[in-house]
mmCIF file of all heavy atoms, coordinates in Angstrom:
data_MODEL
# 
_entry.id   MODEL 
# 
loop_
_atom_site.group_PDB 
_atom_site.id 
_atom_site.type_symbol 
_atom_site.label_atom_id 
_atom_site.label_alt_id 
_atom_site.label_comp_id 
_atom_site.label_asym_id 
_atom_site.label_entity_id 
_atom_site.label_seq_id 
_atom_site.pdbx_PDB_ins_code 
_atom_site.Cartn_x 
_atom_site.Cartn_y 
_atom_site.Cartn_z 
_atom_site.occupancy 
_atom_site.B_iso_or_equiv 
_atom_site.pdbx_formal_charge 
_atom_site.auth_seq_id 
_atom_site.auth_comp_id 
_atom_site.auth_asym_id 
_atom_site.auth_atom_id 
_atom_site.pdbx_PDB_model_num 
ATOM 1   N N   . ARG A 1 1  ? 0.834  -1.208  0.000  1.00 0.00 ? 1  ARG A N   1 
ATOM 2   C CA  . ARG A 1 1  ? 0.000  0.000   0.000  1.00 0.00 ? 1  ARG A CA  1 
ATOM 3   C C   . ARG A 1 1  ? 0.868  1.259   0.000  1.00 0.00 ? 1  ARG A C   1 
ATOM 4   O O   . ARG A 1 1  ? 0.549  2.241   -0.669 1.00 0.00 ? 1  ARG A O   1 
ATOM 5   C CB  . ARG A 1 1  ? -0.933 -0.013  1.214  1.00 0.00 ? 1  ARG A CB  1 
ATOM 6   C CG  . ARG A 1 1  ? -2.088 -1.009  1.074  1.00 0.00 ? 1  ARG A CG  1 
ATOM 7   C CD  . ARG A 1 1  ? -2.806 -1.222  2.380  1.00 0.00 ? 1  ARG A CD  1 
ATOM 8   N NE  . ARG A 1 1  ? -3.972 -2.101  2.186  1.00 0.00 ? 1  ARG A NE  1 
ATOM 9   C CZ  . ARG A 1 1  ? -4.578 -2.753  3.168  1.00 0.00 ? 1  ARG A CZ  1 
ATOM 10  N NH1 . ARG A 1 1  ? -4.125 -2.624  4.422  1.00 0.00 ? 1  ARG A NH1 1 
ATOM 11  N NH2 . ARG A 1 1  ? -5.617 -3.517  2.924  1.00 0.00 ? 1  ARG A NH2 1 
ATOM 12  N N   . LEU A 1 2  ? 1.966  1.216   0.742  1.00 0.00 ? 2  LEU A N   1 
ATOM 13  C CA  . LEU A 1 2  ? 2.865  2.359   0.753  1.00 0.00 ? 2  LEU A CA  1 
ATOM 14  C C   . LEU A 1 2  ? 3.662  2.465   -0.541 1.00 0.00 ? 2  LEU A C   1 
ATOM 15  O O   . LEU A 1 2  ? 4.018  3.569   -0.966 1.00 0.00 ? 2  LEU A O   1 
ATOM 16  C CB  . LEU A 1 2  ? 3.809  2.274   1.950  1.00 0.00 ? 2  LEU A CB  1 
ATOM 17  C CG  . LEU A 1 2  ? 3.149  2.512   3.308  1.00 0.00 ? 2  LEU A CG  1 
ATOM 18  C CD1 . LEU A 1 2  ? 4.156  2.304   4.431  1.00 0.00 ? 2  LEU A CD1 1 
ATOM 19  C CD2 . LEU A 1 2  ? 2.555  3.909   3.390  1.00 0.00 ? 2  LEU A CD2 1 
ATOM 20  N N   . LEU A 1 3  ? 3.930  1.329   -1.173 1.00 0.00 ? 3  LEU A N   1 
ATOM 21  C CA  . LEU A 1 3  ? 4.610  1.365   -2.456 1.00 0.00 ? 3  LEU A CA  1 
ATOM 22  C C   . LEU A 1 3  ? 3.742  2.061   -3.498 1.00 0.00 ? 3  LEU A C   1 
ATOM 23  O O   . LEU A 1 3  ? 4.260  2.796   -4.347 1.00 0.00 ? 3  LEU A O   1 
ATOM 24  C CB  . LEU A 1 3  ? 4.961  -0.053  -2.915 1.00 0.00 ? 3  LEU A CB  1 
ATOM 25  C CG  . LEU A 1 3  ? 5.698  -0.167  -4.252 1.00 0.00 ? 3  LEU A CG  1 
ATOM 26  C CD1 . LEU A 1 3  ? 6.991  0.656   -4.239 1.00 0.00 ? 3  LEU A CD1 1 
ATOM 27  C CD2 . LEU A 1 3  ? 5.992  -1.629  -4.568 1.00 0.00 ? 3  LEU A CD2 1 
ATOM 28  N N   . MET A 1 4  ? 2.442  1.854   -3.443 1.00 0.00 ? 4  MET A N   1 
ATOM 29  C CA  . MET A 1 4  ? 1.535  2.542   -4.356 1.00 0.00 ? 4  MET A CA  1 
ATOM 30  C C   . MET A 1 4  ? 1.658  4.053   -4.192 1.00 0.00 ? 4  MET A C   1 
ATOM 31  O O   . MET A 1 4  ? 1.475  4.813   -5.153 1.00 0.00 ? 4  MET A O   1 
ATOM 32  C CB  . MET A 1 4  ? 0.092  2.092   -4.085 1.00 0.00 ? 4  MET A CB  1 
ATOM 33  C CG  . MET A 1 4  ? -0.932 2.700   -5.026 1.00 0.00 ? 4  MET A CG  1 
ATOM 34  S SD  . MET A 1 4  ? -0.682 2.186   -6.737 1.00 0.00 ? 4  MET A SD  1 
ATOM 35  C CE  . MET A 1 4  ? -1.983 3.125   -7.557 1.00 0.00 ? 4  MET A CE  1 
ATOM 36  N N   . LYS A 1 5  ? 2.009  4.495   -2.982 1.00 0.00 ? 5  LYS A N   1 
ATOM 37  C CA  . LYS A 1 5  ? 2.195  5.924   -2.714 1.00 0.00 ? 5  LYS A CA  1 
ATOM 38  C C   . LYS A 1 5  ? 3.649  6.357   -2.912 1.00 0.00 ? 5  LYS A C   1 
ATOM 39  O O   . LYS A 1 5  ? 4.005  7.494   -2.606 1.00 0.00 ? 5  LYS A O   1 
ATOM 40  C CB  . LYS A 1 5  ? 1.766  6.238   -1.279 1.00 0.00 ? 5  LYS A CB  1 
ATOM 41  C CG  . LYS A 1 5  ? 0.298  5.952   -0.999 1.00 0.00 ? 5  LYS A CG  1 
ATOM 42  C CD  . LYS A 1 5  ? -0.035 6.240   0.456  1.00 0.00 ? 5  LYS A CD  1 
ATOM 43  C CE  . LYS A 1 5  ? -1.498 5.956   0.767  1.00 0.00 ? 5  LYS A CE  1 
ATOM 44  N NZ  . LYS A 1 5  ? -1.832 6.215   2.189  1.00 0.00 ? 5  LYS A NZ  1 
ATOM 45  N N   . SER A 1 6  ? 4.483  5.436   -3.410 1.00 0.00 ? 6  SER A N   1 
ATOM 46  C CA  . SER A 1 6  ? 5.893  5.714   -3.663 1.00 0.00 ? 6  SER A CA  1 
ATOM 47  C C   . SER A 1 6  ? 6.638  6.118   -2.393 1.00 0.00 ? 6  SER A C   1 
ATOM 48  O O   . SER A 1 6  ? 7.455  7.047   -2.401 1.00 0.00 ? 6  SER A O   1 
ATOM 49  C CB  . SER A 1 6  ? 6.050  6.816   -4.728 1.00 0.00 ? 6  SER A CB  1 
ATOM 50  O OG  . SER A 1 6  ? 7.372  6.876   -5.201 1.00 0.00 ? 6  SER A OG  1 
ATOM 51  N N   . ASN A 1 7  ? 6.381  5.404   -1.303 1.00 0.00 ? 7  ASN A N   1 
ATOM 52  C CA  . ASN A 1 7  ? 7.040  5.705   -0.039 1.00 0.00 ? 7  ASN A CA  1 
ATOM 53  C C   . ASN A 1 7  ? 8.557  5.505   -0.161 1.00 0.00 ? 7  ASN A C   1 
ATOM 54  O O   . ASN A 1 7  ? 9.017  4.402   -0.470 1.00 0.00 ? 7  ASN A O   1 
ATOM 55  C CB  . ASN A 1 7  ? 6.480  4.802   1.057  1.00 0.00 ? 7  ASN A CB  1 
ATOM 56  C CG  . ASN A 1 7  ? 7.007  5.147   2.422  1.00 0.00 ? 7  ASN A CG  1 
ATOM 57  O OD1 . ASN A 1 7  ? 8.179  4.931   2.706  1.00 0.00 ? 7  ASN A OD1 1 
ATOM 58  N ND2 . ASN A 1 7  ? 6.146  5.667   3.277  1.00 0.00 ? 7  ASN A ND2 1 
ATOM 59  N N   . PRO A 1 8  ? 9.353  6.543   0.078  1.00 0.00 ? 8  PRO A N   1 
ATOM 60  C CA  . PRO A 1 8  ? 10.805 6.443   -0.113 1.00 0.00 ? 8  PRO A CA  1 
ATOM 61  C C   . PRO A 1 8  ? 11.503 5.426   0.783  1.00 0.00 ? 8  PRO A C   1 
ATOM 62  O O   . PRO A 1 8  ? 12.561 4.912   0.419  1.00 0.00 ? 8  PRO A O   1 
ATOM 63  C CB  . PRO A 1 8  ? 11.299 7.867   0.193  1.00 0.00 ? 8  PRO A CB  1 
ATOM 64  C CG  . PRO A 1 8  ? 10.116 8.742   -0.059 1.00 0.00 ? 8  PRO A CG  1 
ATOM 65  C CD  . PRO A 1 8  ? 8.936  7.925   0.400  1.00 0.00 ? 8  PRO A CD  1 
ATOM 66  N N   . THR A 1 9  ? 10.930 5.141   1.934  1.00 0.00 ? 9  THR A N   1 
ATOM 67  C CA  . THR A 1 9  ? 11.556 4.168   2.835  1.00 0.00 ? 9  THR A CA  1 
ATOM 68  C C   . THR A 1 9  ? 11.718 2.810   2.166  1.00 0.00 ? 9  THR A C   1 
ATOM 69  O O   . THR A 1 9  ? 12.724 2.119   2.371  1.00 0.00 ? 9  THR A O   1 
ATOM 70  C CB  . THR A 1 9  ? 10.718 4.029   4.119  1.00 0.00 ? 9  THR A CB  1 
ATOM 71  O OG1 . THR A 1 9  ? 10.669 5.284   4.791  1.00 0.00 ? 9  THR A OG1 1 
ATOM 72  C CG2 . THR A 1 9  ? 11.300 2.975   5.046  1.00 0.00 ? 9  THR A CG2 1 
ATOM 73  N N   . ILE A 1 10 ? 10.746 2.420   1.358  1.00 0.00 ? 10 ILE A N   1 
ATOM 74  C CA  . ILE A 1 10 ? 10.801 1.112   0.692  1.00 0.00 ? 10 ILE A CA  1 
ATOM 75  C C   . ILE A 1 10 ? 11.998 1.038   -0.247 1.00 0.00 ? 10 ILE A C   1 
ATOM 76  O O   . ILE A 1 10 ? 12.714 0.029   -0.300 1.00 0.00 ? 10 ILE A O   1 
ATOM 77  C CB  . ILE A 1 10 ? 9.492  0.850   -0.068 1.00 0.00 ? 10 ILE A CB  1 
ATOM 78  C CG1 . ILE A 1 10 ? 8.318  0.821   0.907  1.00 0.00 ? 10 ILE A CG1 1 
ATOM 79  C CG2 . ILE A 1 10 ? 9.577  -0.457  -0.854 1.00 0.00 ? 10 ILE A CG2 1 
ATOM 80  C CD1 . ILE A 1 10 ? 6.959  0.788   0.247  1.00 0.00 ? 10 ILE A CD1 1 
ATOM 81  N N   . PHE A 1 11 ? 12.236 2.101   -0.991 1.00 0.00 ? 11 PHE A N   1 
ATOM 82  C CA  . PHE A 1 11 ? 13.363 2.112   -1.920 1.00 0.00 ? 11 PHE A CA  1 
ATOM 83  C C   . PHE A 1 11 ? 14.694 2.087   -1.165 1.00 0.00 ? 11 PHE A C   1 
ATOM 84  O O   . PHE A 1 11 ? 15.663 1.483   -1.639 1.00 0.00 ? 11 PHE A O   1 
ATOM 85  C CB  . PHE A 1 11 ? 13.268 3.353   -2.816 1.00 0.00 ? 11 PHE A CB  1 
ATOM 86  C CG  . PHE A 1 11 ? 12.048 3.375   -3.681 1.00 0.00 ? 11 PHE A CG  1 
ATOM 87  C CD1 . PHE A 1 11 ? 10.912 4.078   -3.295 1.00 0.00 ? 11 PHE A CD1 1 
ATOM 88  C CD2 . PHE A 1 11 ? 12.004 2.675   -4.874 1.00 0.00 ? 11 PHE A CD2 1 
ATOM 89  C CE1 . PHE A 1 11 ? 9.765  4.094   -4.078 1.00 0.00 ? 11 PHE A CE1 1 
ATOM 90  C CE2 . PHE A 1 11 ? 10.866 2.687   -5.682 1.00 0.00 ? 11 PHE A CE2 1 
ATOM 91  C CZ  . PHE A 1 11 ? 9.747  3.396   -5.284 1.00 0.00 ? 11 PHE A CZ  1 
ATOM 92  N N   . GLU A 1 12 ? 14.733 2.711   -0.009 1.00 0.00 ? 12 GLU A N   1 
ATOM 93  C CA  . GLU A 1 12 ? 15.958 2.673   0.800  1.00 0.00 ? 12 GLU A CA  1 
ATOM 94  C C   . GLU A 1 12 ? 16.217 1.257   1.311  1.00 0.00 ? 12 GLU A C   1 
ATOM 95  O O   . GLU A 1 12 ? 17.348 0.762   1.247  1.00 0.00 ? 12 GLU A O   1 
ATOM 96  C CB  . GLU A 1 12 ? 15.854 3.649   1.967  1.00 0.00 ? 12 GLU A CB  1 
ATOM 97  C CG  . GLU A 1 12 ? 15.915 5.113   1.550  1.00 0.00 ? 12 GLU A CG  1 
ATOM 98  C CD  . GLU A 1 12 ? 16.232 6.035   2.725  1.00 0.00 ? 12 GLU A CD  1 
ATOM 99  O OE1 . GLU A 1 12 ? 16.336 5.530   3.862  1.00 0.00 ? 12 GLU A OE1 1 
ATOM 100 O OE2 . GLU A 1 12 ? 16.377 7.239   2.487  1.00 0.00 ? 12 GLU A OE2 1 
ATOM 101 N N   . TRP A 1 13 ? 15.185 0.617   1.844  1.00 0.00 ? 13 TRP A N   1 
ATOM 102 C CA  . TRP A 1 13 ? 15.367 -0.753  2.318  1.00 0.00 ? 13 TRP A CA  1 
ATOM 103 C C   . TRP A 1 13 ? 15.868 -1.653  1.196  1.00 0.00 ? 13 TRP A C   1 
ATOM 104 O O   . TRP A 1 13 ? 16.782 -2.461  1.389  1.00 0.00 ? 13 TRP A O   1 
ATOM 105 C CB  . TRP A 1 13 ? 14.053 -1.308  2.867  1.00 0.00 ? 13 TRP A CB  1 
ATOM 106 C CG  . TRP A 1 13 ? 13.599 -0.707  4.152  1.00 0.00 ? 13 TRP A CG  1 
ATOM 107 C CD1 . TRP A 1 13 ? 14.190 0.319   4.840  1.00 0.00 ? 13 TRP A CD1 1 
ATOM 108 C CD2 . TRP A 1 13 ? 12.455 -1.087  4.917  1.00 0.00 ? 13 TRP A CD2 1 
ATOM 109 N NE1 . TRP A 1 13 ? 13.469 0.602   5.981  1.00 0.00 ? 13 TRP A NE1 1 
ATOM 110 C CE2 . TRP A 1 13 ? 12.399 -0.238  6.059  1.00 0.00 ? 13 TRP A CE2 1 
ATOM 111 C CE3 . TRP A 1 13 ? 11.461 -2.035  4.752  1.00 0.00 ? 13 TRP A CE3 1 
ATOM 112 C CZ2 . TRP A 1 13 ? 11.392 -0.342  7.020  1.00 0.00 ? 13 TRP A CZ2 1 
ATOM 113 C CZ3 . TRP A 1 13 ? 10.450 -2.143  5.705  1.00 0.00 ? 13 TRP A CZ3 1 
ATOM 114 C CH2 . TRP A 1 13 ? 10.418 -1.306  6.827  1.00 0.00 ? 13 TRP A CH2 1 
ATOM 115 N N   . ALA A 1 14 ? 15.251 -1.536  0.035  1.00 0.00 ? 14 ALA A N   1 
ATOM 116 C CA  . ALA A 1 14 ? 15.603 -2.405  -1.083 1.00 0.00 ? 14 ALA A CA  1 
ATOM 117 C C   . ALA A 1 14 ? 17.037 -2.201  -1.556 1.00 0.00 ? 14 ALA A C   1 
ATOM 118 O O   . ALA A 1 14 ? 17.640 -3.108  -2.135 1.00 0.00 ? 14 ALA A O   1 
ATOM 119 C CB  . ALA A 1 14 ? 14.637 -2.179  -2.244 1.00 0.00 ? 14 ALA A CB  1 
ATOM 120 N N   . ASP A 1 15 ? 17.595 -1.016  -1.289 1.00 0.00 ? 15 ASP A N   1 
ATOM 121 C CA  . ASP A 1 15 ? 18.946 -0.694  -1.742 1.00 0.00 ? 15 ASP A CA  1 
ATOM 122 C C   . ASP A 1 15 ? 19.997 -0.919  -0.647 1.00 0.00 ? 15 ASP A C   1 
ATOM 123 O O   . ASP A 1 15 ? 21.176 -0.666  -0.869 1.00 0.00 ? 15 ASP A O   1 
ATOM 124 C CB  . ASP A 1 15 ? 18.997 0.773   -2.204 1.00 0.00 ? 15 ASP A CB  1 
ATOM 125 C CG  . ASP A 1 15 ? 20.298 1.125   -2.892 1.00 0.00 ? 15 ASP A CG  1 
ATOM 126 O OD1 . ASP A 1 15 ? 20.664 0.443   -3.868 1.00 0.00 ? 15 ASP A OD1 1 
ATOM 127 O OD2 . ASP A 1 15 ? 20.969 2.078   -2.442 1.00 0.00 ? 15 ASP A OD2 1 
ATOM 128 N N   . SER A 1 16 ? 19.598 -1.404  0.501  1.00 0.00 ? 16 SER A N   1 
ATOM 129 C CA  . SER A 1 16 ? 20.544 -1.572  1.605  1.00 0.00 ? 16 SER A CA  1 
ATOM 130 C C   . SER A 1 16 ? 21.695 -2.505  1.210  1.00 0.00 ? 16 SER A C   1 
ATOM 131 O O   . SER A 1 16 ? 21.471 -3.578  0.644  1.00 0.00 ? 16 SER A O   1 
ATOM 132 C CB  . SER A 1 16 ? 19.835 -2.144  2.834  1.00 0.00 ? 16 SER A CB  1 
ATOM 133 O OG  . SER A 1 16 ? 20.775 -2.390  3.868  1.00 0.00 ? 16 SER A OG  1 
ATOM 134 N N   . PRO A 1 17 ? 22.925 -2.126  1.527  1.00 0.00 ? 17 PRO A N   1 
ATOM 135 C CA  . PRO A 1 17 ? 24.065 -2.998  1.228  1.00 0.00 ? 17 PRO A CA  1 
ATOM 136 C C   . PRO A 1 17 ? 24.239 -4.123  2.246  1.00 0.00 ? 17 PRO A C   1 
ATOM 137 O O   . PRO A 1 17 ? 25.056 -5.019  2.048  1.00 0.00 ? 17 PRO A O   1 
ATOM 138 C CB  . PRO A 1 17 ? 25.254 -2.029  1.290  1.00 0.00 ? 17 PRO A CB  1 
ATOM 139 C CG  . PRO A 1 17 ? 24.828 -0.989  2.275  1.00 0.00 ? 17 PRO A CG  1 
ATOM 140 C CD  . PRO A 1 17 ? 23.347 -0.820  2.080  1.00 0.00 ? 17 PRO A CD  1 
ATOM 141 N N   . ILE A 1 18 ? 23.463 -4.065  3.341  1.00 0.00 ? 18 ILE A N   1 
ATOM 142 C CA  . ILE A 1 18 ? 23.557 -5.089  4.384  1.00 0.00 ? 18 ILE A CA  1 
ATOM 143 C C   . ILE A 1 18 ? 22.223 -5.827  4.444  1.00 0.00 ? 18 ILE A C   1 
ATOM 144 O O   . ILE A 1 18 ? 21.236 -5.309  4.974  1.00 0.00 ? 18 ILE A O   1 
ATOM 145 C CB  . ILE A 1 18 ? 23.885 -4.478  5.753  1.00 0.00 ? 18 ILE A CB  1 
ATOM 146 C CG1 . ILE A 1 18 ? 25.171 -3.641  5.671  1.00 0.00 ? 18 ILE A CG1 1 
ATOM 147 C CG2 . ILE A 1 18 ? 24.034 -5.571  6.812  1.00 0.00 ? 18 ILE A CG2 1 
ATOM 148 C CD1 . ILE A 1 18 ? 25.502 -2.884  6.943  1.00 0.00 ? 18 ILE A CD1 1 
ATOM 149 N N   . VAL A 1 19 ? 22.189 -7.013  3.881  1.00 0.00 ? 19 VAL A N   1 
ATOM 150 C CA  . VAL A 1 19 ? 20.965 -7.802  3.805  1.00 0.00 ? 19 VAL A CA  1 
ATOM 151 C C   . VAL A 1 19 ? 21.109 -9.030  4.695  1.00 0.00 ? 19 VAL A C   1 
ATOM 152 O O   . VAL A 1 19 ? 22.066 -9.804  4.552  1.00 0.00 ? 19 VAL A O   1 
ATOM 153 C CB  . VAL A 1 19 ? 20.666 -8.225  2.352  1.00 0.00 ? 19 VAL A CB  1 
ATOM 154 C CG1 . VAL A 1 19 ? 19.445 -9.136  2.284  1.00 0.00 ? 19 VAL A CG1 1 
ATOM 155 C CG2 . VAL A 1 19 ? 20.454 -6.991  1.474  1.00 0.00 ? 19 VAL A CG2 1 
ATOM 156 N N   . TYR A 1 20 ? 20.164 -9.225  5.611  1.00 0.00 ? 20 TYR A N   1 
ATOM 157 C CA  . TYR A 1 20 ? 20.204 -10.357 6.529  1.00 0.00 ? 20 TYR A CA  1 
ATOM 158 C C   . TYR A 1 20 ? 19.395 -11.545 6.024  1.00 0.00 ? 20 TYR A C   1 
ATOM 159 O O   . TYR A 1 20 ? 19.663 -12.678 6.398  1.00 0.00 ? 20 TYR A O   1 
ATOM 160 C CB  . TYR A 1 20 ? 19.678 -9.930  7.902  1.00 0.00 ? 20 TYR A CB  1 
ATOM 161 C CG  . TYR A 1 20 ? 20.496 -8.838  8.540  1.00 0.00 ? 20 TYR A CG  1 
ATOM 162 C CD1 . TYR A 1 20 ? 19.959 -7.566  8.756  1.00 0.00 ? 20 TYR A CD1 1 
ATOM 163 C CD2 . TYR A 1 20 ? 21.819 -9.064  8.925  1.00 0.00 ? 20 TYR A CD2 1 
ATOM 164 C CE1 . TYR A 1 20 ? 20.716 -6.557  9.347  1.00 0.00 ? 20 TYR A CE1 1 
ATOM 165 C CE2 . TYR A 1 20 ? 22.585 -8.066  9.508  1.00 0.00 ? 20 TYR A CE2 1 
ATOM 166 C CZ  . TYR A 1 20 ? 22.020 -6.812  9.712  1.00 0.00 ? 20 TYR A CZ  1 
ATOM 167 O OH  . TYR A 1 20 ? 22.769 -5.810  10.276 1.00 0.00 ? 20 TYR A OH  1 
ATOM 168 N N   . ARG A 1 21 ? 18.405 -11.252 5.182  1.00 0.00 ? 21 ARG A N   1 
ATOM 169 C CA  . ARG A 1 21 ? 17.607 -12.332 4.602  1.00 0.00 ? 21 ARG A CA  1 
ATOM 170 C C   . ARG A 1 21 ? 16.931 -11.822 3.336  1.00 0.00 ? 21 ARG A C   1 
ATOM 171 O O   . ARG A 1 21 ? 16.424 -10.702 3.312  1.00 0.00 ? 21 ARG A O   1 
ATOM 172 C CB  . ARG A 1 21 ? 16.552 -12.849 5.582  1.00 0.00 ? 21 ARG A CB  1 
ATOM 173 C CG  . ARG A 1 21 ? 15.750 -14.027 5.037  1.00 0.00 ? 21 ARG A CG  1 
ATOM 174 C CD  . ARG A 1 21 ? 14.845 -14.625 6.099  1.00 0.00 ? 21 ARG A CD  1 
ATOM 175 N NE  . ARG A 1 21 ? 15.590 -15.100 7.266  1.00 0.00 ? 21 ARG A NE  1 
ATOM 176 C CZ  . ARG A 1 21 ? 15.036 -15.719 8.299  1.00 0.00 ? 21 ARG A CZ  1 
ATOM 177 N NH1 . ARG A 1 21 ? 13.725 -15.913 8.313  1.00 0.00 ? 21 ARG A NH1 1 
ATOM 178 N NH2 . ARG A 1 21 ? 15.767 -16.129 9.323  1.00 0.00 ? 21 ARG A NH2 1 
ATOM 179 N N   . GLU A 1 22 ? 16.931 -12.645 2.295  1.00 0.00 ? 22 GLU A N   1 
ATOM 180 C CA  . GLU A 1 22 ? 16.249 -12.284 1.049  1.00 0.00 ? 22 GLU A CA  1 
ATOM 181 C C   . GLU A 1 22 ? 15.744 -13.556 0.382  1.00 0.00 ? 22 GLU A C   1 
ATOM 182 O O   . GLU A 1 22 ? 16.533 -14.436 0.026  1.00 0.00 ? 22 GLU A O   1 
ATOM 183 C CB  . GLU A 1 22 ? 17.177 -11.520 0.103  1.00 0.00 ? 22 GLU A CB  1 
ATOM 184 C CG  . GLU A 1 22 ? 16.492 -11.054 -1.165 1.00 0.00 ? 22 GLU A CG  1 
ATOM 185 C CD  . GLU A 1 22 ? 17.305 -10.029 -1.942 1.00 0.00 ? 22 GLU A CD  1 
ATOM 186 O OE1 . GLU A 1 22 ? 18.439 -9.735  -1.522 1.00 0.00 ? 22 GLU A OE1 1 
ATOM 187 O OE2 . GLU A 1 22 ? 16.797 -9.524  -2.959 1.00 0.00 ? 22 GLU A OE2 1 
ATOM 188 N N   . THR A 1 23 ? 14.435 -13.667 0.216  1.00 0.00 ? 23 THR A N   1 
ATOM 189 C CA  . THR A 1 23 ? 13.821 -14.836 -0.389 1.00 0.00 ? 23 THR A CA  1 
ATOM 190 C C   . THR A 1 23 ? 13.547 -14.591 -1.866 1.00 0.00 ? 23 THR A C   1 
ATOM 191 O O   . THR A 1 23 ? 13.580 -13.457 -2.353 1.00 0.00 ? 23 THR A O   1 
ATOM 192 C CB  . THR A 1 23 ? 12.496 -15.169 0.312  1.00 0.00 ? 23 THR A CB  1 
ATOM 193 O OG1 . THR A 1 23 ? 11.561 -14.106 0.060  1.00 0.00 ? 23 THR A OG1 1 
ATOM 194 C CG2 . THR A 1 23 ? 12.695 -15.333 1.812  1.00 0.00 ? 23 THR A CG2 1 
ATOM 195 N N   . SER A 1 24 ? 13.219 -15.658 -2.571 1.00 0.00 ? 24 SER A N   1 
ATOM 196 C CA  . SER A 1 24 ? 12.879 -15.525 -3.993 1.00 0.00 ? 24 SER A CA  1 
ATOM 197 C C   . SER A 1 24 ? 11.594 -14.719 -4.163 1.00 0.00 ? 24 SER A C   1 
ATOM 198 O O   . SER A 1 24 ? 11.404 -14.050 -5.188 1.00 0.00 ? 24 SER A O   1 
ATOM 199 C CB  . SER A 1 24 ? 12.728 -16.911 -4.618 1.00 0.00 ? 24 SER A CB  1 
ATOM 200 O OG  . SER A 1 24 ? 11.723 -17.668 -3.943 1.00 0.00 ? 24 SER A OG  1 
ATOM 201 N N   . ASP A 1 25 ? 10.705 -14.741 -3.174 1.00 0.00 ? 25 ASP A N   1 
ATOM 202 C CA  . ASP A 1 25 ? 9.467  -13.963 -3.270 1.00 0.00 ? 25 ASP A CA  1 
ATOM 203 C C   . ASP A 1 25 ? 9.742  -12.458 -3.230 1.00 0.00 ? 25 ASP A C   1 
ATOM 204 O O   . ASP A 1 25 ? 8.980  -11.668 -3.804 1.00 0.00 ? 25 ASP A O   1 
ATOM 205 C CB  . ASP A 1 25 ? 8.503  -14.338 -2.137 1.00 0.00 ? 25 ASP A CB  1 
ATOM 206 C CG  . ASP A 1 25 ? 7.777  -15.644 -2.408 1.00 0.00 ? 25 ASP A CG  1 
ATOM 207 O OD1 . ASP A 1 25 ? 7.538  -15.951 -3.585 1.00 0.00 ? 25 ASP A OD1 1 
ATOM 208 O OD2 . ASP A 1 25 ? 7.460  -16.356 -1.440 1.00 0.00 ? 25 ASP A OD2 1 
ATOM 209 N N   . TRP A 1 26 ? 10.797 -12.059 -2.543 1.00 0.00 ? 26 TRP A N   1 
ATOM 210 C CA  . TRP A 1 26 ? 11.127 -10.631 -2.519 1.00 0.00 ? 26 TRP A CA  1 
ATOM 211 C C   . TRP A 1 26 ? 11.481 -10.128 -3.919 1.00 0.00 ? 26 TRP A C   1 
ATOM 212 O O   . TRP A 1 26 ? 11.266 -8.967  -4.249 1.00 0.00 ? 26 TRP A O   1 
ATOM 213 C CB  . TRP A 1 26 ? 12.273 -10.370 -1.548 1.00 0.00 ? 26 TRP A CB  1 
ATOM 214 C CG  . TRP A 1 26 ? 12.689 -8.930  -1.514 1.00 0.00 ? 26 TRP A CG  1 
ATOM 215 C CD1 . TRP A 1 26 ? 13.838 -8.382  -2.022 1.00 0.00 ? 26 TRP A CD1 1 
ATOM 216 C CD2 . TRP A 1 26 ? 11.949 -7.837  -0.956 1.00 0.00 ? 26 TRP A CD2 1 
ATOM 217 N NE1 . TRP A 1 26 ? 13.864 -7.028  -1.818 1.00 0.00 ? 26 TRP A NE1 1 
ATOM 218 C CE2 . TRP A 1 26 ? 12.712 -6.661  -1.161 1.00 0.00 ? 26 TRP A CE2 1 
ATOM 219 C CE3 . TRP A 1 26 ? 10.722 -7.735  -0.301 1.00 0.00 ? 26 TRP A CE3 1 
ATOM 220 C CZ2 . TRP A 1 26 ? 12.289 -5.403  -0.748 1.00 0.00 ? 26 TRP A CZ2 1 
ATOM 221 C CZ3 . TRP A 1 26 ? 10.296 -6.479  0.127  1.00 0.00 ? 26 TRP A CZ3 1 
ATOM 222 C CH2 . TRP A 1 26 ? 11.071 -5.331  -0.098 1.00 0.00 ? 26 TRP A CH2 1 
# 
């Protein structure tokens, strides 16, 4: 729902250089 509003936090999380878990669904 926040992505539909282009929430900048989502783009920051997705670009993080430190990833602790990432599934194929992501």
